[in-house]
Amino acid sequence: MSNYSATFIDYSMGQLILPKDFSDMIPKDHVARVVKSTLGEKKG
């Protein structure tokens, strides 16, 4: 058995702040938006 002990850091749910919509992180002129809009038009 080792003499090492685990050290835990306090965590709260407020530490991790993610956007509600990841598209907020993509620039308006990014190619991913063009692909999404093109594929979205072909679905219907």
PDB file of N, CA and C in Angstrom:
ATOM      1  N   MET A   1       0.854  -1.177   0.000  1.00  0.00           N
ATOM      2  CA  MET A   1       0.000   0.000   0.000  1.00  0.00           C
ATOM      3  C   MET A   1       0.899   1.239   0.000  1.00  0.00           C
ATOM      4  N   SER A   2       0.512   2.234  -0.746  1.00  0.00           N
ATOM      5  CA  SER A   2       1.340   3.439  -0.844  1.00  0.00           C
ATOM      6  C   SER A   2       0.959   4.459   0.231  1.00  0.00           C
ATOM      7  N   ASN A   3       1.843   5.408   0.426  1.00  0.00           N
ATOM      8  CA  ASN A   3       1.607   6.457   1.410  1.00  0.00           C
ATOM      9  C   ASN A   3       0.962   7.691   0.802  1.00  0.00           C
ATOM     10  N   TYR A   4       0.566   7.607  -0.456  1.00  0.00           N
ATOM     11  CA  TYR A   4      -0.030   8.744  -1.138  1.00  0.00           C
ATOM     12  C   TYR A   4      -1.523   8.806  -0.839  1.00  0.00           C
ATOM     13  N   SER A   5      -2.012  10.000  -0.654  1.00  0.00           N
ATOM     14  CA  SER A   5      -3.454  10.162  -0.449  1.00  0.00           C
ATOM     15  C   SER A   5      -4.001  11.055  -1.562  1.00  0.00           C
ATOM     16  N   ALA A   6      -5.231  10.837  -1.894  1.00  0.00           N
ATOM     17  CA  ALA A   6      -5.875  11.625  -2.942  1.00  0.00           C
ATOM     18  C   ALA A   6      -6.208  13.008  -2.424  1.00  0.00           C
ATOM     19  N   THR A   7      -6.011  14.009  -3.261  1.00  0.00           N
ATOM     20  CA  THR A   7      -6.367  15.380  -2.922  1.00  0.00           C
ATOM     21  C   THR A   7      -7.473  15.828  -3.862  1.00  0.00           C
ATOM     22  N   PHE A   8      -8.591  16.218  -3.312  1.00  0.00           N
ATOM     23  CA  PHE A   8      -9.723  16.638  -4.113  1.00  0.00           C
ATOM     24  C   PHE A   8      -9.914  18.143  -3.981  1.00  0.00           C
ATOM     25  N   ILE A   9     -10.315  18.760  -5.067  1.00  0.00           N
ATOM     26  CA  ILE A   9     -10.582  20.197  -5.086  1.00  0.00           C
ATOM     27  C   ILE A   9     -12.091  20.389  -5.070  1.00  0.00           C
ATOM     28  N   ASP A  10     -12.557  21.320  -4.255  1.00  0.00           N
ATOM     29  CA  ASP A  10     -13.993  21.609  -4.222  1.00  0.00           C
ATOM     30  C   ASP A  10     -14.477  22.028  -5.604  1.00  0.00           C
ATOM     31  N   TYR A  11     -15.645  21.559  -5.959  1.00  0.00           N
ATOM     32  CA  TYR A  11     -16.230  21.839  -7.270  1.00  0.00           C
ATOM     33  C   TYR A  11     -17.675  22.284  -7.085  1.00  0.00           C
ATOM     34  N   SER A  12     -18.060  23.266  -7.846  1.00  0.00           N
ATOM     35  CA  SER A  12     -19.463  23.677  -7.845  1.00  0.00           C
ATOM     36  C   SER A  12     -19.933  23.775  -9.299  1.00  0.00           C
ATOM     37  N   MET A  13     -21.212  23.615  -9.513  1.00  0.00           N
ATOM     38  CA  MET A  13     -21.759  23.626 -10.874  1.00  0.00           C
ATOM     39  C   MET A  13     -21.566  24.968 -11.558  1.00  0.00           C
ATOM     40  N   GLY A  14     -21.330  26.034 -10.797  1.00  0.00           N
ATOM     41  CA  GLY A  14     -21.146  27.350 -11.376  1.00  0.00           C
ATOM     42  C   GLY A  14     -19.776  27.548 -12.024  1.00  0.00           C
ATOM     43  N   GLN A  15     -18.854  26.614 -11.823  1.00  0.00           N
ATOM     44  CA  GLN A  15     -17.517  26.752 -12.373  1.00  0.00           C
ATOM     45  C   GLN A  15     -17.494  26.608 -13.891  1.00  0.00           C
ATOM     46  N   LEU A  16     -18.271  25.702 -14.401  1.00  0.00           N
ATOM     47  CA  LEU A  16     -18.257  25.402 -15.819  1.00  0.00           C
ATOM     48  C   LEU A  16     -19.379  26.167 -16.502  1.00  0.00           C
ATOM     49  N   ILE A  17     -19.003  27.130 -17.310  1.00  0.00           N
ATOM     50  CA  ILE A  17     -20.006  27.943 -17.995  1.00  0.00           C
ATOM     51  C   ILE A  17     -19.891  27.679 -19.493  1.00  0.00           C
ATOM     52  N   LEU A  18     -20.873  27.020 -20.050  1.00  0.00           N
ATOM     53  CA  LEU A  18     -20.910  26.720 -21.475  1.00  0.00           C
ATOM     54  C   LEU A  18     -22.040  27.517 -22.112  1.00  0.00           C
ATOM     55  N   PRO A  19     -21.866  27.873 -23.372  1.00  0.00           N
ATOM     56  CA  PRO A  19     -22.962  28.570 -24.048  1.00  0.00           C
ATOM     57  C   PRO A  19     -24.160  27.639 -24.215  1.00  0.00           C
ATOM     58  N   LYS A  20     -25.335  28.188 -24.209  1.00  0.00           N
ATOM     59  CA  LYS A  20     -26.531  27.375 -24.387  1.00  0.00           C
ATOM     60  C   LYS A  20     -26.591  26.819 -25.817  1.00  0.00           C
ATOM     61  N   ASP A  21     -26.005  27.541 -26.739  1.00  0.00           N
ATOM     62  CA  ASP A  21     -25.984  27.114 -28.131  1.00  0.00           C
ATOM     63  C   ASP A  21     -24.559  27.245 -28.650  1.00  0.00           C
ATOM     64  N   PHE A  22     -23.951  26.135 -29.051  1.00  0.00           N
ATOM     65  CA  PHE A  22     -22.563  26.172 -29.495  1.00  0.00           C
ATOM     66  C   PHE A  22     -22.373  26.960 -30.784  1.00  0.00           C
ATOM     67  N   SER A  23     -23.440  27.217 -31.516  1.00  0.00           N
ATOM     68  CA  SER A  23     -23.310  28.021 -32.728  1.00  0.00           C
ATOM     69  C   SER A  23     -22.929  29.467 -32.391  1.00  0.00           C
ATOM     70  N   ASP A  24     -23.108  29.853 -31.130  1.00  0.00           N
ATOM     71  CA  ASP A  24     -22.671  31.185 -30.695  1.00  0.00           C
ATOM     72  C   ASP A  24     -21.151  31.325 -30.781  1.00  0.00           C
ATOM     73  N   MET A  25     -20.445  30.204 -30.718  1.00  0.00           N
ATOM     74  CA  MET A  25     -18.989  30.217 -30.739  1.00  0.00           C
ATOM     75  C   MET A  25     -18.421  30.227 -32.162  1.00  0.00           C
ATOM     76  N   ILE A  26     -19.258  29.960 -33.170  1.00  0.00           N
ATOM     77  CA  ILE A  26     -18.802  29.890 -34.562  1.00  0.00           C
ATOM     78  C   ILE A  26     -18.957  31.264 -35.201  1.00  0.00           C
ATOM     79  N   PRO A  27     -17.886  31.783 -35.803  1.00  0.00           N
ATOM     80  CA  PRO A  27     -17.977  33.089 -36.456  1.00  0.00           C
ATOM     81  C   PRO A  27     -19.064  33.104 -37.537  1.00  0.00           C
ATOM     82  N   LYS A  28     -19.637  34.279 -37.757  1.00  0.00           N
ATOM     83  CA  LYS A  28     -20.748  34.406 -38.712  1.00  0.00           C
ATOM     84  C   LYS A  28     -20.347  34.010 -40.131  1.00  0.00           C
ATOM     85  N   ASP A  29     -19.074  34.198 -40.503  1.00  0.00           N
ATOM     86  CA  ASP A  29     -18.643  33.891 -41.871  1.00  0.00           C
ATOM     87  C   ASP A  29     -17.904  32.554 -41.982  1.00  0.00           C
ATOM     88  N   HIS A  30     -18.053  31.668 -41.006  1.00  0.00           N
ATOM     89  CA  HIS A  30     -17.358  30.376 -40.998  1.00  0.00           C
ATOM     90  C   HIS A  30     -18.013  29.423 -41.998  1.00  0.00           C
ATOM     91  N   VAL A  31     -17.197  28.560 -42.610  1.00  0.00           N
ATOM     92  CA  VAL A  31     -17.685  27.622 -43.619  1.00  0.00           C
ATOM     93  C   VAL A  31     -18.710  26.640 -43.028  1.00  0.00           C
ATOM     94  N   ALA A  32     -18.637  26.373 -41.746  1.00  0.00           N
ATOM     95  CA  ALA A  32     -19.601  25.455 -41.122  1.00  0.00           C
ATOM     96  C   ALA A  32     -21.026  25.978 -41.246  1.00  0.00           C
ATOM     97  N   ARG A  33     -21.191  27.287 -41.207  1.00  0.00           N
ATOM     98  CA  ARG A  33     -22.532  27.865 -41.355  1.00  0.00           C
ATOM     99  C   ARG A  33     -23.055  27.682 -42.780  1.00  0.00           C
ATOM    100  N   VAL A  34     -22.175  27.776 -43.760  1.00  0.00           N
ATOM    101  CA  VAL A  34     -22.572  27.572 -45.157  1.00  0.00           C
ATOM    102  C   VAL A  34     -23.011  26.122 -45.354  1.00  0.00           C
ATOM    103  N   VAL A  35     -22.227  25.187 -44.821  1.00  0.00           N
ATOM    104  CA  VAL A  35     -22.565  23.766 -44.957  1.00  0.00           C
ATOM    105  C   VAL A  35     -23.894  23.477 -44.267  1.00  0.00           C
ATOM    106  N   LYS A  36     -24.083  24.003 -43.080  1.00  0.00           N
ATOM    107  CA  LYS A  36     -25.326  23.764 -42.344  1.00  0.00           C
ATOM    108  C   LYS A  36     -26.534  24.304 -43.099  1.00  0.00           C
ATOM    109  N   SER A  37     -26.410  25.500 -43.639  1.00  0.00           N
ATOM    110  CA  SER A  37     -27.553  26.083 -44.351  1.00  0.00           C
ATOM    111  C   SER A  37     -27.819  25.326 -45.654  1.00  0.00           C
ATOM    112  N   THR A  38     -26.769  24.873 -46.316  1.00  0.00           N
ATOM    113  CA  THR A  38     -26.950  24.103 -47.558  1.00  0.00           C
ATOM    114  C   THR A  38     -27.624  22.765 -47.273  1.00  0.00           C
ATOM    115  N   LEU A  39     -27.176  22.075 -46.264  1.00  0.00           N
ATOM    116  CA  LEU A  39     -27.787  20.785 -45.919  1.00  0.00           C
ATOM    117  C   LEU A  39     -29.197  20.972 -45.395  1.00  0.00           C
ATOM    118  N   GLY A  40     -29.436  22.046 -44.679  1.00  0.00           N
ATOM    119  CA  GLY A  40     -30.770  22.315 -44.151  1.00  0.00           C
ATOM    120  C   GLY A  40     -31.774  22.567 -45.253  1.00  0.00           C
ATOM    121  N   GLU A  41     -31.349  23.213 -46.330  1.00  0.00           N
ATOM    122  CA  GLU A  41     -32.236  23.500 -47.459  1.00  0.00           C
ATOM    123  C   GLU A  41     -32.587  22.219 -48.223  1.00  0.00           C
ATOM    124  N   LYS A  42     -31.679  21.259 -48.264  1.00  0.00           N
ATOM    125  CA  LYS A  42     -31.905  20.023 -49.026  1.00  0.00           C
ATOM    126  C   LYS A  42     -32.768  19.018 -48.273  1.00  0.00           C
ATOM    127  N   LYS A  43     -32.899  19.178 -46.958  1.00  0.00           N
ATOM    128  CA  LYS A  43     -33.717  18.244 -46.159  1.00  0.00           C
ATOM    129  C   LYS A  43     -35.186  18.330 -46.548  1.00  0.00           C
ATOM    130  N   GLY A  44     -35.668  19.516 -46.734  1.00  0.00           N
ATOM    131  CA  GLY A  44     -37.100  19.716 -46.933  1.00  0.00           C
ATOM    132  C   GLY A  44     -37.538  19.544 -48.300  1.00  0.00           C
TER     133      GLY A  44
END
